[in-house]
Amino acid sequence: MANILAVDDSQAIRTLMKVVLEAEGHNVFVKENGREALEFARGHTVDLVITDLNMPEMGGMSLVGHLRRLDEYKRKPILVITTETADYKKQKAKSVGATGWIAKPVDKDRLITAVAKTVG
């Protein structure tokens, strides 16, 4: 299956993503902010990144932009997971390179479906 980097400042969301996606056969690496995720990404390539939008130290928009500048991540799918629903936020996320959007609250089925559509 896929190697997935899951980034969220909420321990509960990180745990949900790890438990649910590993039960589906994926390898999941969790980080609690964009800075940690970017450091990880500089040394590891994954098949999919799922990132929260609003986090301390480095938010999701900034993380997506930084990842898109790394050769290994120019074409990797990046999903943004957030409570934000404004269309302009979605457009901004797409403009910096996000592939898709998962609205919180996220549940097991929605997460599995989004990942399956993205990485098969």
Protein backbone atom coordinates (compact mmCIF):
# COMPACT_ATOMS: atom_id res chain seq x y z
CA MET A 1 0.00 0.00 0.00
CA ALA A 2 1.01 3.66 0.34
CA ASN A 3 3.44 5.51 2.57
CA ILE A 4 1.53 8.46 4.01
CA LEU A 5 2.70 11.53 5.94
CA ALA A 6 -0.11 12.74 8.22
CA VAL A 7 0.30 16.19 9.77
CA ASP A 8 -2.01 17.70 12.40
CA ASP A 9 -1.52 19.55 15.67
CA SER A 10 -4.34 17.54 17.25
CA GLN A 11 -3.17 14.32 18.87
CA ALA A 12 -6.65 12.84 18.40
CA ILE A 13 -6.62 13.49 14.62
CA ARG A 14 -3.07 12.14 14.26
CA THR A 15 -4.07 8.99 16.13
CA LEU A 16 -7.25 8.60 14.06
CA MET A 17 -5.32 8.90 10.79
CA LYS A 18 -2.60 6.49 11.91
CA VAL A 19 -4.94 3.81 13.29
CA VAL A 20 -7.47 3.96 10.45
CA LEU A 21 -4.98 4.10 7.60
CA GLU A 22 -2.63 1.47 9.02
CA ALA A 23 -5.65 -0.85 9.41
CA GLU A 24 -6.10 -0.35 5.63
CA GLY A 25 -2.51 -1.52 5.07
CA HIS A 26 -0.77 1.84 4.68
CA ASN A 27 2.42 2.97 6.43
CA VAL A 28 1.68 6.22 8.26
CA PHE A 29 4.21 8.71 9.59
CA VAL A 30 2.70 11.38 11.88
CA LYS A 31 4.01 14.87 12.60
CA GLU A 32 2.40 17.60 14.68
CA ASN A 33 3.23 20.68 12.61
CA GLY A 34 4.46 21.79 9.23
CA ARG A 35 8.03 22.39 10.38
CA GLU A 36 8.38 18.78 11.59
CA ALA A 37 6.72 17.48 8.43
CA LEU A 38 9.01 19.49 6.15
CA GLU A 39 12.10 18.22 8.00
CA PHE A 40 10.81 14.66 7.58
CA ALA A 41 10.00 15.20 3.89
CA ARG A 42 13.51 16.44 3.16
CA GLY A 43 14.84 13.00 4.10
CA HIS A 44 11.93 10.73 3.13
CA THR A 45 9.59 10.47 0.18
CA VAL A 46 6.01 9.36 0.73
CA ASP A 47 3.16 8.62 -1.67
CA LEU A 48 0.67 11.01 -0.06
CA VAL A 49 0.69 13.93 2.39
CA ILE A 50 -2.39 14.77 4.46
CA THR A 51 -2.01 18.04 6.32
CA ASP A 52 -4.09 20.19 8.61
CA LEU A 53 -4.46 23.79 7.49
CA ASN A 54 -4.13 25.63 10.81
CA MET A 55 -1.14 24.57 12.93
CA PRO A 56 1.48 26.29 15.07
CA GLU A 57 5.03 26.88 13.81
CA MET A 58 4.14 26.22 10.15
CA GLY A 59 0.61 25.88 8.83
CA GLY A 60 -0.62 23.69 6.02
CA MET A 61 -0.57 26.36 3.29
CA SER A 62 3.08 27.07 3.95
CA LEU A 63 3.91 23.37 4.17
CA VAL A 64 2.26 22.65 0.82
CA GLY A 65 4.22 25.48 -0.81
CA HIS A 66 7.52 24.25 0.64
CA LEU A 67 6.82 20.65 -0.36
CA ARG A 68 6.04 21.66 -3.94
CA ARG A 69 9.53 23.18 -4.18
CA LEU A 70 11.14 19.80 -3.37
CA ASP A 71 11.77 17.68 -6.48
CA GLU A 72 10.39 14.54 -4.80
CA TYR A 73 7.10 16.29 -3.96
CA LYS A 74 6.40 18.29 -7.12
CA ARG A 75 3.75 15.77 -8.25
CA LYS A 76 2.87 13.91 -5.05
CA PRO A 77 -0.75 14.24 -3.93
CA ILE A 78 -1.32 16.52 -0.95
CA LEU A 79 -4.68 16.60 0.81
CA VAL A 80 -5.62 19.43 3.18
CA ILE A 81 -7.77 18.47 6.18
CA THR A 82 -9.50 21.33 7.98
CA THR A 83 -12.59 22.84 9.53
CA GLU A 84 -12.30 25.79 7.11
CA THR A 85 -15.09 25.78 4.55
CA ALA A 86 -14.64 29.09 2.73
CA ASP A 87 -14.19 28.73 -1.02
CA TYR A 88 -11.36 31.28 -1.06
CA LYS A 89 -9.39 29.08 1.38
CA LYS A 90 -9.88 26.09 -0.92
CA GLN A 91 -8.76 28.14 -3.91
CA LYS A 92 -5.70 29.38 -2.02
CA ALA A 93 -4.81 25.82 -1.04
CA LYS A 94 -5.12 24.73 -4.66
CA SER A 95 -3.04 27.70 -5.83
CA VAL A 96 -0.12 26.67 -3.60
CA GLY A 97 -0.37 23.06 -4.79
CA ALA A 98 -2.93 21.13 -2.73
CA THR A 99 -4.51 18.25 -4.61
CA GLY A 100 -7.70 18.00 -2.57
CA TRP A 101 -9.62 18.89 0.55
CA ILE A 102 -11.09 16.84 3.44
CA ALA A 103 -13.53 18.67 5.71
CA LYS A 104 -13.43 18.14 9.46
CA PRO A 105 -14.88 16.57 11.40
CA VAL A 106 -13.37 13.67 9.53
CA ASP A 107 -14.59 10.17 10.16
CA LYS A 108 -13.11 6.80 9.32
CA ASP A 109 -15.12 6.26 6.13
CA ARG A 110 -14.46 9.72 4.70
CA LEU A 111 -10.74 9.36 5.37
CA ILE A 112 -10.53 5.91 3.78
CA THR A 113 -12.48 7.09 0.74
CA ALA A 114 -10.31 10.19 0.23
CA VAL A 115 -7.09 8.19 0.48
CA ALA A 116 -8.39 5.43 -1.82
CA LYS A 117 -9.36 8.03 -4.46
CA THR A 118 -5.94 9.64 -4.18
CA VAL A 119 -3.50 6.74 -4.05
CA GLY A 120 -5.67 3.78 -5.02
